[in-house]
PDB file of all heavy atoms in Angstrom:
ATOM      1  N   ARG A   1      16.089  30.142  13.887  1.00  0.00           N
ATOM      2  CA  ARG A   1      16.278  31.579  13.796  1.00  0.00           C
ATOM      3  C   ARG A   1      14.939  32.236  14.084  1.00  0.00           C
ATOM      4  O   ARG A   1      13.876  31.626  13.899  1.00  0.00           O
ATOM      5  CB  ARG A   1      16.802  31.987  12.419  1.00  0.00           C
ATOM      6  CG  ARG A   1      15.931  31.517  11.263  1.00  0.00           C
ATOM      7  CD  ARG A   1      16.604  31.766   9.932  1.00  0.00           C
ATOM      8  NE  ARG A   1      15.760  31.391   8.816  1.00  0.00           N
ATOM      9  CZ  ARG A   1      16.171  31.329   7.561  1.00  0.00           C
ATOM     10  NH1 ARG A   1      17.420  31.623   7.272  1.00  0.00           N
ATOM     11  NH2 ARG A   1      15.343  30.991   6.600  1.00  0.00           N
ATOM     12  N   PRO A   2      14.929  33.490  14.529  1.00  0.00           N
ATOM     13  CA  PRO A   2      13.697  34.132  14.976  1.00  0.00           C
ATOM     14  C   PRO A   2      12.570  34.098  13.960  1.00  0.00           C
ATOM     15  O   PRO A   2      11.413  33.960  14.309  1.00  0.00           O
ATOM     16  CB  PRO A   2      14.148  35.571  15.284  1.00  0.00           C
ATOM     17  CG  PRO A   2      15.605  35.431  15.605  1.00  0.00           C
ATOM     18  CD  PRO A   2      16.108  34.334  14.725  1.00  0.00           C
ATOM     19  N   GLU A   3      12.904  34.295  12.670  1.00  0.00           N
ATOM     20  CA  GLU A   3      11.845  34.401  11.679  1.00  0.00           C
ATOM     21  C   GLU A   3      11.383  33.051  11.163  1.00  0.00           C
ATOM     22  O   GLU A   3      10.488  32.963  10.338  1.00  0.00           O
ATOM     23  CB  GLU A   3      12.289  35.274  10.501  1.00  0.00           C
ATOM     24  CG  GLU A   3      13.399  34.654   9.621  1.00  0.00           C
ATOM     25  CD  GLU A   3      14.784  34.985  10.110  1.00  0.00           C
ATOM     26  OE1 GLU A   3      14.937  35.210  11.327  1.00  0.00           O
ATOM     27  OE2 GLU A   3      15.714  35.013   9.299  1.00  0.00           O
ATOM     28  N   ALA A   4      11.952  31.948  11.657  1.00  0.00           N
ATOM     29  CA  ALA A   4      11.643  30.622  11.129  1.00  0.00           C
ATOM     30  C   ALA A   4      10.170  30.239  11.232  1.00  0.00           C
ATOM     31  O   ALA A   4       9.610  29.725  10.283  1.00  0.00           O
ATOM     32  CB  ALA A   4      12.510  29.569  11.811  1.00  0.00           C
ATOM     33  N   PRO A   5       9.489  30.450  12.391  1.00  0.00           N
ATOM     34  CA  PRO A   5       8.102  30.010  12.487  1.00  0.00           C
ATOM     35  C   PRO A   5       7.192  30.594  11.420  1.00  0.00           C
ATOM     36  O   PRO A   5       6.465  29.873  10.756  1.00  0.00           O
ATOM     37  CB  PRO A   5       7.692  30.466  13.891  1.00  0.00           C
ATOM     38  CG  PRO A   5       8.981  30.507  14.651  1.00  0.00           C
ATOM     39  CD  PRO A   5       9.995  30.978  13.650  1.00  0.00           C
ATOM     40  N   ALA A   6       7.228  31.931  11.217  1.00  0.00           N
ATOM     41  CA  ALA A   6       6.381  32.563  10.215  1.00  0.00           C
ATOM     42  C   ALA A   6       6.760  32.111   8.817  1.00  0.00           C
ATOM     43  O   ALA A   6       5.912  31.846   7.977  1.00  0.00           O
ATOM     44  CB  ALA A   6       6.473  34.088  10.338  1.00  0.00           C
ATOM     45  N   HIS A   7       8.066  32.012   8.576  1.00  0.00           N
ATOM     46  CA  HIS A   7       8.545  31.617   7.254  1.00  0.00           C
ATOM     47  C   HIS A   7       8.118  30.184   6.952  1.00  0.00           C
ATOM     48  O   HIS A   7       7.655  29.876   5.870  1.00  0.00           O
ATOM     49  CB  HIS A   7      10.066  31.738   7.209  1.00  0.00           C
ATOM     50  CG  HIS A   7      10.661  31.351   5.893  1.00  0.00           C
ATOM     51  ND1 HIS A   7      10.449  32.087   4.760  1.00  0.00           N
ATOM     52  CD2 HIS A   7      11.424  30.288   5.527  1.00  0.00           C
ATOM     53  CE1 HIS A   7      11.085  31.503   3.748  1.00  0.00           C
ATOM     54  NE2 HIS A   7      11.675  30.402   4.195  1.00  0.00           N
ATOM     55  N   ARG A   8       8.243  29.313   7.938  1.00  0.00           N
ATOM     56  CA  ARG A   8       7.857  27.921   7.766  1.00  0.00           C
ATOM     57  C   ARG A   8       6.362  27.821   7.492  1.00  0.00           C
ATOM     58  O   ARG A   8       5.905  26.998   6.713  1.00  0.00           O
ATOM     59  CB  ARG A   8       8.230  27.113   9.010  1.00  0.00           C
ATOM     60  CG  ARG A   8       7.957  25.620   8.882  1.00  0.00           C
ATOM     61  CD  ARG A   8       8.540  24.847  10.052  1.00  0.00           C
ATOM     62  NE  ARG A   8       7.907  25.157  11.310  1.00  0.00           N
ATOM     63  CZ  ARG A   8       8.467  25.856  12.286  1.00  0.00           C
ATOM     64  NH1 ARG A   8       9.686  26.330  12.150  1.00  0.00           N
ATOM     65  NH2 ARG A   8       7.815  26.085  13.423  1.00  0.00           N
ATOM     66  N   SER A   9       5.584  28.667   8.139  1.00  0.00           N
ATOM     67  CA  SER A   9       4.145  28.656   7.954  1.00  0.00           C
ATOM     68  C   SER A   9       3.777  28.963   6.508  1.00  0.00           C
ATOM     69  O   SER A   9       2.917  28.321   5.933  1.00  0.00           O
ATOM     70  CB  SER A   9       3.491  29.675   8.892  1.00  0.00           C
ATOM     71  OG  SER A   9       2.105  29.736   8.663  1.00  0.00           O
ATOM     72  N   ARG A  10       4.438  29.952   5.910  1.00  0.00           N
ATOM     73  CA  ARG A  10       4.171  30.288   4.505  1.00  0.00           C
ATOM     74  C   ARG A  10       4.532  29.124   3.599  1.00  0.00           C
ATOM     75  O   ARG A  10       3.809  28.804   2.653  1.00  0.00           O
ATOM     76  CB  ARG A  10       4.954  31.550   4.102  1.00  0.00           C
ATOM     77  CG  ARG A  10       4.426  32.835   4.728  1.00  0.00           C
ATOM     78  CD  ARG A  10       4.972  34.064   4.017  1.00  0.00           C
ATOM     79  NE  ARG A  10       6.425  34.125   4.098  1.00  0.00           N
ATOM     80  CZ  ARG A  10       7.098  34.690   5.104  1.00  0.00           C
ATOM     81  NH1 ARG A  10       6.430  35.223   6.115  1.00  0.00           N
ATOM     82  NH2 ARG A  10       8.420  34.724   5.103  1.00  0.00           N
ATOM     83  N   SER A  11       5.651  28.489   3.878  1.00  0.00           N
ATOM     84  CA  SER A  11       6.085  27.348   3.083  1.00  0.00           C
ATOM     85  C   SER A  11       5.086  26.200   3.185  1.00  0.00           C
ATOM     86  O   SER A  11       4.765  25.549   2.192  1.00  0.00           O
ATOM     87  CB  SER A  11       7.472  26.886   3.551  1.00  0.00           C
ATOM     88  OG  SER A  11       7.891  25.751   2.831  1.00  0.00           O
ATOM     89  N   GLU A  12       4.587  25.967   4.398  1.00  0.00           N
ATOM     90  CA  GLU A  12       3.605  24.904   4.613  1.00  0.00           C
ATOM     91  C   GLU A  12       2.318  25.189   3.854  1.00  0.00           C
ATOM     92  O   GLU A  12       1.696  24.286   3.283  1.00  0.00           O
ATOM     93  CB  GLU A  12       3.305  24.756   6.109  1.00  0.00           C
ATOM     94  CG  GLU A  12       4.405  24.091   6.907  1.00  0.00           C
ATOM     95  CD  GLU A  12       4.503  22.601   6.622  1.00  0.00           C
ATOM     96  OE1 GLU A  12       3.511  22.021   6.139  1.00  0.00           O
ATOM     97  OE2 GLU A  12       5.571  22.020   6.867  1.00  0.00           O
ATOM     98  N   ILE A  13       1.894  26.446   3.862  1.00  0.00           N
ATOM     99  CA  ILE A  13       0.668  26.830   3.161  1.00  0.00           C
ATOM    100  C   ILE A  13       0.812  26.602   1.663  1.00  0.00           C
ATOM    101  O   ILE A  13      -0.082  26.062   1.006  1.00  0.00           O
ATOM    102  CB  ILE A  13       0.310  28.307   3.458  1.00  0.00           C
ATOM    103  CG1 ILE A  13      -0.114  28.462   4.928  1.00  0.00           C
ATOM    104  CG2 ILE A  13      -0.796  28.792   2.532  1.00  0.00           C
ATOM    105  CD1 ILE A  13      -0.277  29.893   5.376  1.00  0.00           C
ATOM    106  N   VAL A  14       1.946  27.009   1.116  1.00  0.00           N
ATOM    107  CA  VAL A  14       2.193  26.826  -0.319  1.00  0.00           C
ATOM    108  C   VAL A  14       2.251  25.337  -0.650  1.00  0.00           C
ATOM    109  O   VAL A  14       1.673  24.880  -1.641  1.00  0.00           O
ATOM    110  CB  VAL A  14       3.507  27.520  -0.740  1.00  0.00           C
ATOM    111  CG1 VAL A  14       3.840  27.191  -2.191  1.00  0.00           C
ATOM    112  CG2 VAL A  14       3.396  29.027  -0.553  1.00  0.00           C
ATOM    113  N   TYR A  15       2.938  24.586   0.186  1.00  0.00           N
ATOM    114  CA  TYR A  15       3.044  23.137  -0.016  1.00  0.00           C
ATOM    115  C   TYR A  15       1.659  22.491  -0.053  1.00  0.00           C
ATOM    116  O   TYR A  15       1.339  21.716  -0.956  1.00  0.00           O
ATOM    117  CB  TYR A  15       3.890  22.533   1.106  1.00  0.00           C
ATOM    118  CG  TYR A  15       3.793  21.040   1.239  1.00  0.00           C
ATOM    119  CD1 TYR A  15       4.521  20.190   0.406  1.00  0.00           C
ATOM    120  CD2 TYR A  15       2.968  20.461   2.212  1.00  0.00           C
ATOM    121  CE1 TYR A  15       4.431  18.811   0.529  1.00  0.00           C
ATOM    122  CE2 TYR A  15       2.874  19.087   2.341  1.00  0.00           C
ATOM    123  CZ  TYR A  15       3.600  18.265   1.505  1.00  0.00           C
ATOM    124  OH  TYR A  15       3.498  16.913   1.625  1.00  0.00           O
ATOM    125  N   ALA A  16       0.835  22.816   0.936  1.00  0.00           N
ATOM    126  CA  ALA A  16      -0.502  22.226   1.014  1.00  0.00           C
ATOM    127  C   ALA A  16      -1.351  22.618  -0.189  1.00  0.00           C
ATOM    128  O   ALA A  16      -2.094  21.799  -0.739  1.00  0.00           O
ATOM    129  CB  ALA A  16      -1.185  22.659   2.312  1.00  0.00           C
ATOM    130  N   GLN A  17      -1.237  23.885  -0.623  1.00  0.00           N
ATOM    131  CA  GLN A  17      -2.031  24.355  -1.754  1.00  0.00           C
ATOM    132  C   GLN A  17      -1.623  23.669  -3.053  1.00  0.00           C
ATOM    133  O   GLN A  17      -2.478  23.244  -3.845  1.00  0.00           O
ATOM    134  CB  GLN A  17      -1.893  25.871  -1.903  1.00  0.00           C
ATOM    135  CG  GLN A  17      -2.725  26.458  -3.041  1.00  0.00           C
ATOM    136  CD  GLN A  17      -4.208  26.186  -2.861  1.00  0.00           C
ATOM    137  OE1 GLN A  17      -4.796  26.604  -1.858  1.00  0.00           O
ATOM    138  NE2 GLN A  17      -4.829  25.497  -3.811  1.00  0.00           N
ATOM    139  N   LEU A  18      -0.331  23.543  -3.284  1.00  0.00           N
ATOM    140  CA  LEU A  18       0.145  22.908  -4.514  1.00  0.00           C
ATOM    141  C   LEU A  18      -0.222  21.424  -4.538  1.00  0.00           C
ATOM    142  O   LEU A  18      -0.593  20.882  -5.586  1.00  0.00           O
ATOM    143  CB  LEU A  18       1.654  23.086  -4.650  1.00  0.00           C
ATOM    144  CG  LEU A  18       2.132  24.509  -4.926  1.00  0.00           C
ATOM    145  CD1 LEU A  18       3.660  24.559  -4.993  1.00  0.00           C
ATOM    146  CD2 LEU A  18       1.527  25.045  -6.214  1.00  0.00           C
ATOM    147  N   LYS A  19      -0.127  20.783  -3.397  1.00  0.00           N
ATOM    148  CA  LYS A  19      -0.499  19.368  -3.321  1.00  0.00           C
ATOM    149  C   LYS A  19      -1.989  19.210  -3.593  1.00  0.00           C
ATOM    150  O   LYS A  19      -2.419  18.266  -4.266  1.00  0.00           O
ATOM    151  CB  LYS A  19      -0.143  18.815  -1.940  1.00  0.00           C
ATOM    152  CG  LYS A  19      -0.041  17.306  -1.896  1.00  0.00           C
ATOM    153  CD  LYS A  19       0.627  16.858  -0.614  1.00  0.00           C
ATOM    154  CE  LYS A  19       0.931  15.373  -0.637  1.00  0.00           C
ATOM    155  NZ  LYS A  19       1.620  14.934   0.592  1.00  0.00           N
ATOM    156  N   GLN A  20      -2.790  20.148  -3.088  1.00  0.00           N
ATOM    157  CA  GLN A  20      -4.230  20.114  -3.349  1.00  0.00           C
ATOM    158  C   GLN A  20      -4.520  20.389  -4.820  1.00  0.00           C
ATOM    159  O   GLN A  20      -5.434  19.804  -5.405  1.00  0.00           O
ATOM    160  CB  GLN A  20      -4.943  21.144  -2.468  1.00  0.00           C
ATOM    161  CG  GLN A  20      -6.467  21.023  -2.489  1.00  0.00           C
ATOM    162  CD  GLN A  20      -6.944  19.705  -1.923  1.00  0.00           C
ATOM    163  OE1 GLN A  20      -6.482  19.268  -0.876  1.00  0.00           O
ATOM    164  NE2 GLN A  20      -7.861  19.051  -2.616  1.00  0.00           N
ATOM    165  N   ASP A  21      -3.741  21.274  -5.428  1.00  0.00           N
ATOM    166  CA  ASP A  21      -3.909  21.562  -6.857  1.00  0.00           C
ATOM    167  C   ASP A  21      -3.673  20.314  -7.702  1.00  0.00           C
ATOM    168  O   ASP A  21      -4.356  20.083  -8.703  1.00  0.00           O
ATOM    169  CB  ASP A  21      -2.938  22.667  -7.300  1.00  0.00           C
ATOM    170  CG  ASP A  21      -3.347  24.044  -6.806  1.00  0.00           C
ATOM    171  OD1 ASP A  21      -4.485  24.187  -6.321  1.00  0.00           O
ATOM    172  OD2 ASP A  21      -2.513  24.966  -6.880  1.00  0.00           O
ATOM    173  N   VAL A  22      -2.691  19.509  -7.301  1.00  0.00           N
ATOM    174  CA  VAL A  22      -2.430  18.255  -8.009  1.00  0.00           C
ATOM    175  C   VAL A  22      -3.587  17.287  -7.794  1.00  0.00           C
ATOM    176  O   VAL A  22      -4.064  16.648  -8.742  1.00  0.00           O
ATOM    177  CB  VAL A  22      -1.096  17.627  -7.537  1.00  0.00           C
ATOM    178  CG1 VAL A  22      -0.909  16.245  -8.158  1.00  0.00           C
ATOM    179  CG2 VAL A  22       0.083  18.527  -7.914  1.00  0.00           C
ATOM    180  N   ALA A  23      -4.063  17.194  -6.555  1.00  0.00           N
ATOM    181  CA  ALA A  23      -5.163  16.281  -6.242  1.00  0.00           C
ATOM    182  C   ALA A  23      -6.454  16.684  -6.937  1.00  0.00           C
ATOM    183  O   ALA A  23      -7.261  15.830  -7.323  1.00  0.00           O
ATOM    184  CB  ALA A  23      -5.385  16.228  -4.732  1.00  0.00           C
ATOM    185  N   ASP A  24      -6.652  17.998  -7.127  1.00  0.00           N
ATOM    186  CA  ASP A  24      -7.866  18.502  -7.775  1.00  0.00           C
ATOM    187  C   ASP A  24      -7.714  18.636  -9.287  1.00  0.00           C
ATOM    188  O   ASP A  24      -8.611  19.150  -9.963  1.00  0.00           O
ATOM    189  CB  ASP A  24      -8.249  19.868  -7.192  1.00  0.00           C
ATOM    190  CG  ASP A  24      -8.750  19.769  -5.765  1.00  0.00           C
ATOM    191  OD1 ASP A  24      -9.142  18.663  -5.355  1.00  0.00           O
ATOM    192  OD2 ASP A  24      -8.764  20.797  -5.060  1.00  0.00           O
ATOM    193  N   PHE A  25      -6.536  18.208  -9.810  1.00  0.00           N
ATOM    194  CA  PHE A  25      -6.260  18.248 -11.248  1.00  0.00           C
ATOM    195  C   PHE A  25      -6.197  19.658 -11.815  1.00  0.00           C
ATOM    196  O   PHE A  25      -6.400  19.871 -13.004  1.00  0.00           O
ATOM    197  CB  PHE A  25      -7.297  17.415 -12.025  1.00  0.00           C
ATOM    198  CG  PHE A  25      -7.485  16.041 -11.469  1.00  0.00           C
ATOM    199  CD1 PHE A  25      -8.678  15.669 -10.874  1.00  0.00           C
ATOM    200  CD2 PHE A  25      -6.450  15.123 -11.507  1.00  0.00           C
ATOM    201  CE1 PHE A  25      -8.838  14.408 -10.326  1.00  0.00           C
ATOM    202  CE2 PHE A  25      -6.599  13.868 -10.970  1.00  0.00           C
ATOM    203  CZ  PHE A  25      -7.794  13.509 -10.376  1.00  0.00           C
ATOM    204  N   LYS A  26      -5.904  20.641 -10.943  1.00  0.00           N
ATOM    205  CA  LYS A  26      -5.594  21.970 -11.440  1.00  0.00           C
ATOM    206  C   LYS A  26      -4.182  21.962 -12.011  1.00  0.00           C
ATOM    207  O   LYS A  26      -3.838  22.764 -12.868  1.00  0.00           O
ATOM    208  CB  LYS A  26      -5.722  23.006 -10.313  1.00  0.00           C
ATOM    209  CG  LYS A  26      -7.156  23.167  -9.811  1.00  0.00           C
ATOM    210  CD  LYS A  26      -7.225  24.131  -8.646  1.00  0.00           C
ATOM    211  CE  LYS A  26      -8.654  24.247  -8.127  1.00  0.00           C
ATOM    212  NZ  LYS A  26      -8.734  25.128  -6.936  1.00  0.00           N
ATOM    213  N   LEU A  27      -3.367  21.058 -11.488  1.00  0.00           N
ATOM    214  CA  LEU A  27      -2.062  20.747 -12.050  1.00  0.00           C
ATOM    215  C   LEU A  27      -2.079  19.253 -12.369  1.00  0.00           C
ATOM    216  O   LEU A  27      -2.309  18.437 -11.474  1.00  0.00           O
ATOM    217  CB  LEU A  27      -0.934  21.053 -11.058  1.00  0.00           C
ATOM    218  CG  LEU A  27      -0.660  22.523 -10.743  1.00  0.00           C
ATOM    219  CD1 LEU A  27       0.326  22.636  -9.574  1.00  0.00           C
ATOM    220  CD2 LEU A  27      -0.092  23.232 -11.975  1.00  0.00           C
ATOM    221  N   VAL A  28      -1.882  18.889 -13.619  1.00  0.00           N
ATOM    222  CA  VAL A  28      -1.945  17.480 -14.010  1.00  0.00           C
ATOM    223  C   VAL A  28      -0.581  17.024 -14.511  1.00  0.00           C
ATOM    224  O   VAL A  28       0.282  17.853 -14.862  1.00  0.00           O
ATOM    225  CB  VAL A  28      -3.009  17.251 -15.117  1.00  0.00           C
ATOM    226  CG1 VAL A  28      -4.380  17.661 -14.640  1.00  0.00           C
ATOM    227  CG2 VAL A  28      -2.646  18.014 -16.388  1.00  0.00           C
ATOM    228  N   PRO A  29      -0.332  15.705 -14.540  1.00  0.00           N
ATOM    229  CA  PRO A  29       0.955  15.192 -15.021  1.00  0.00           C
ATOM    230  C   PRO A  29       1.354  15.786 -16.365  1.00  0.00           C
ATOM    231  O   PRO A  29       0.564  15.790 -17.310  1.00  0.00           O
ATOM    232  CB  PRO A  29       0.708  13.682 -15.131  1.00  0.00           C
ATOM    233  CG  PRO A  29      -0.304  13.419 -14.065  1.00  0.00           C
ATOM    234  CD  PRO A  29      -1.220  14.615 -14.093  1.00  0.00           C
ATOM    235  N   GLY A  30       2.565  16.315 -16.412  1.00  0.00           N
ATOM    236  CA  GLY A  30       3.064  16.934 -17.635  1.00  0.00           C
ATOM    237  C   GLY A  30       3.003  18.446 -17.628  1.00  0.00           C
ATOM    238  O   GLY A  30       3.692  19.106 -18.409  1.00  0.00           O
ATOM    239  N   ASP A  31       2.161  19.028 -16.769  1.00  0.00           N
ATOM    240  CA  ASP A  31       2.059  20.489 -16.689  1.00  0.00           C
ATOM    241  C   ASP A  31       3.402  21.093 -16.279  1.00  0.00           C
ATOM    242  O   ASP A  31       4.082  20.592 -15.386  1.00  0.00           O
ATOM    243  CB  ASP A  31       0.999  20.897 -15.668  1.00  0.00           C
ATOM    244  CG  ASP A  31      -0.397  20.921 -16.252  1.00  0.00           C
ATOM    245  OD1 ASP A  31      -0.539  20.647 -17.452  1.00  0.00           O
ATOM    246  OD2 ASP A  31      -1.349  21.203 -15.495  1.00  0.00           O
ATOM    247  N   ARG A  32       3.750  22.209 -16.931  1.00  0.00           N
ATOM    248  CA  ARG A  32       4.979  22.927 -16.594  1.00  0.00           C
ATOM    249  C   ARG A  32       4.628  24.294 -16.033  1.00  0.00           C
ATOM    250  O   ARG A  32       3.638  24.912 -16.435  1.00  0.00           O
ATOM    251  CB  ARG A  32       5.861  23.092 -17.834  1.00  0.00           C
ATOM    252  CG  ARG A  32       6.310  21.761 -18.427  1.00  0.00           C
ATOM    253  CD  ARG A  32       7.345  21.961 -19.514  1.00  0.00           C
ATOM    254  NE  ARG A  32       7.796  20.695 -20.074  1.00  0.00           N
ATOM    255  CZ  ARG A  32       8.908  20.535 -20.760  1.00  0.00           C
ATOM    256  NH1 ARG A  32       9.706  21.579 -20.990  1.00  0.00           N
ATOM    257  NH2 ARG A  32       9.247  19.353 -21.232  1.00  0.00           N
ATOM    258  N   PHE A  33       5.442  24.758 -15.105  1.00  0.00           N
ATOM    259  CA  PHE A  33       5.206  26.054 -14.487  1.00  0.00           C
ATOM    260  C   PHE A  33       6.511  26.555 -13.891  1.00  0.00           C
ATOM    261  O   PHE A  33       7.490  25.807 -13.767  1.00  0.00           O
ATOM    262  CB  PHE A  33       4.133  25.945 -13.398  1.00  0.00           C
ATOM    263  CG  PHE A  33       4.451  24.936 -12.330  1.00  0.00           C
ATOM    264  CD1 PHE A  33       5.171  25.305 -11.201  1.00  0.00           C
ATOM    265  CD2 PHE A  33       4.048  23.624 -12.462  1.00  0.00           C
ATOM    266  CE1 PHE A  33       5.489  24.371 -10.225  1.00  0.00           C
ATOM    267  CE2 PHE A  33       4.355  22.672 -11.491  1.00  0.00           C
ATOM    268  CZ  PHE A  33       5.078  23.052 -10.371  1.00  0.00           C
ATOM    269  N   THR A  34       6.519  27.831 -13.527  1.00  0.00           N
ATOM    270  CA  THR A  34       7.717  28.421 -12.926  1.00  0.00           C
ATOM    271  C   THR A  34       7.420  28.844 -11.494  1.00  0.00           C
ATOM    272  O   THR A  34       6.254  28.989 -11.095  1.00  0.00           O
ATOM    273  CB  THR A  34       8.180  29.666 -13.716  1.00  0.00           C
ATOM    274  OG1 THR A  34       7.171  30.690 -13.597  1.00  0.00           O
ATOM    275  CG2 THR A  34       8.411  29.321 -15.174  1.00  0.00           C
ATOM    276  N   GLU A  35       8.476  29.045 -10.743  1.00  0.00           N
ATOM    277  CA  GLU A  35       8.316  29.518  -9.371  1.00  0.00           C
ATOM    278  C   GLU A  35       7.664  30.895  -9.352  1.00  0.00           C
ATOM    279  O   GLU A  35       6.848  31.192  -8.473  1.00  0.00           O
ATOM    280  CB  GLU A  35       9.680  29.570  -8.679  1.00  0.00           C
ATOM    281  CG  GLU A  35      10.306  28.206  -8.457  1.00  0.00           C
ATOM    282  CD  GLU A  35      11.720  28.278  -7.887  1.00  0.00           C
ATOM    283  OE1 GLU A  35      12.137  29.397  -7.512  1.00  0.00           O
ATOM    284  OE2 GLU A  35      12.392  27.238  -7.827  1.00  0.00           O
ATOM    285  N   SER A  36       7.989  31.709 -10.330  1.00  0.00           N
ATOM    286  CA  SER A  36       7.417  33.063 -10.396  1.00  0.00           C
ATOM    287  C   SER A  36       5.903  33.008 -10.600  1.00  0.00           C
ATOM    288  O   SER A  36       5.151  33.778  -9.987  1.00  0.00           O
ATOM    289  CB  SER A  36       8.064  33.855 -11.534  1.00  0.00           C
ATOM    290  OG  SER A  36       9.436  34.064 -11.278  1.00  0.00           O
ATOM    291  N   GLU A  37       5.440  32.088 -11.450  1.00  0.00           N
ATOM    292  CA  GLU A  37       3.999  31.965 -11.705  1.00  0.00           C
ATOM    293  C   GLU A  37       3.256  31.560 -10.426  1.00  0.00           C
ATOM    294  O   GLU A  37       2.200  32.122 -10.113  1.00  0.00           O
ATOM    295  CB  GLU A  37       3.752  30.918 -12.797  1.00  0.00           C
ATOM    296  CG  GLU A  37       4.204  31.375 -14.185  1.00  0.00           C
ATOM    297  CD  GLU A  37       4.177  30.255 -15.201  1.00  0.00           C
ATOM    298  OE1 GLU A  37       4.051  29.067 -14.792  1.00  0.00           O
ATOM    299  OE2 GLU A  37       4.286  30.537 -16.407  1.00  0.00           O
ATOM    300  N   ILE A  38       3.830  30.622  -9.696  1.00  0.00           N
ATOM    301  CA  ILE A  38       3.205  30.190  -8.443  1.00  0.00           C
ATOM    302  C   ILE A  38       3.254  31.312  -7.415  1.00  0.00           C
ATOM    303  O   ILE A  38       2.288  31.554  -6.682  1.00  0.00           O
ATOM    304  CB  ILE A  38       3.914  28.939  -7.883  1.00  0.00           C
ATOM    305  CG1 ILE A  38       3.831  27.781  -8.881  1.00  0.00           C
ATOM    306  CG2 ILE A  38       3.303  28.545  -6.538  1.00  0.00           C
ATOM    307  CD1 ILE A  38       2.435  27.329  -9.198  1.00  0.00           C
ATOM    308  N   SER A  39       4.362  32.013  -7.376  1.00  0.00           N
ATOM    309  CA  SER A  39       4.532  33.118  -6.439  1.00  0.00           C
ATOM    310  C   SER A  39       3.467  34.186  -6.646  1.00  0.00           C
ATOM    311  O   SER A  39       2.854  34.672  -5.694  1.00  0.00           O
ATOM    312  CB  SER A  39       5.933  33.719  -6.602  1.00  0.00           C
ATOM    313  OG  SER A  39       6.096  34.838  -5.760  1.00  0.00           O
ATOM    314  N   VAL A  40       3.237  34.547  -7.912  1.00  0.00           N
ATOM    315  CA  VAL A  40       2.235  35.572  -8.236  1.00  0.00           C
ATOM    316  C   VAL A  40       0.836  35.064  -7.901  1.00  0.00           C
ATOM    317  O   VAL A  40       0.021  35.782  -7.317  1.00  0.00           O
ATOM    318  CB  VAL A  40       2.325  35.964  -9.724  1.00  0.00           C
ATOM    319  CG1 VAL A  40       1.147  36.844 -10.115  1.00  0.00           C
ATOM    320  CG2 VAL A  40       3.644  36.681 -10.004  1.00  0.00           C
ATOM    321  N   ARG A  41       0.548  33.819  -8.262  1.00  0.00           N
ATOM    322  CA  ARG A  41      -0.804  33.270  -8.055  1.00  0.00           C
ATOM    323  C   ARG A  41      -1.153  33.170  -6.579  1.00  0.00           C
ATOM    324  O   ARG A  41      -2.290  33.448  -6.177  1.00  0.00           O
ATOM    325  CB  ARG A  41      -0.914  31.890  -8.702  1.00  0.00           C
ATOM    326  CG  ARG A  41      -2.266  31.220  -8.490  1.00  0.00           C
ATOM    327  CD  ARG A  41      -2.510  30.111  -9.478  1.00  0.00           C
ATOM    328  NE  ARG A  41      -1.656  28.960  -9.266  1.00  0.00           N
ATOM    329  CZ  ARG A  41      -1.935  27.945  -8.435  1.00  0.00           C
ATOM    330  NH1 ARG A  41      -3.060  27.976  -7.735  1.00  0.00           N
ATOM    331  NH2 ARG A  41      -1.122  26.924  -8.310  1.00  0.00           N
ATOM    332  N   LEU A  42      -0.190  32.798  -5.751  1.00  0.00           N
ATOM    333  CA  LEU A  42      -0.467  32.619  -4.330  1.00  0.00           C
ATOM    334  C   LEU A  42      -0.129  33.846  -3.489  1.00  0.00           C
ATOM    335  O   LEU A  42      -0.388  33.872  -2.286  1.00  0.00           O
ATOM    336  CB  LEU A  42       0.309  31.405  -3.800  1.00  0.00           C
ATOM    337  CG  LEU A  42      -0.033  30.057  -4.458  1.00  0.00           C
ATOM    338  CD1 LEU A  42       0.746  28.934  -3.795  1.00  0.00           C
ATOM    339  CD2 LEU A  42      -1.531  29.784  -4.392  1.00  0.00           C
TER     340      LEU A  42
END
């Protein structure tokens, strides 16, 4: 669909950031969070 490239780009950015947060221990095993919290932070 026309908007897919831009939309996919945002998803990729969020994915990469969250994965980096886990690797950097900003998010550690057991941590709980909501989609809204991530949405606001990013």
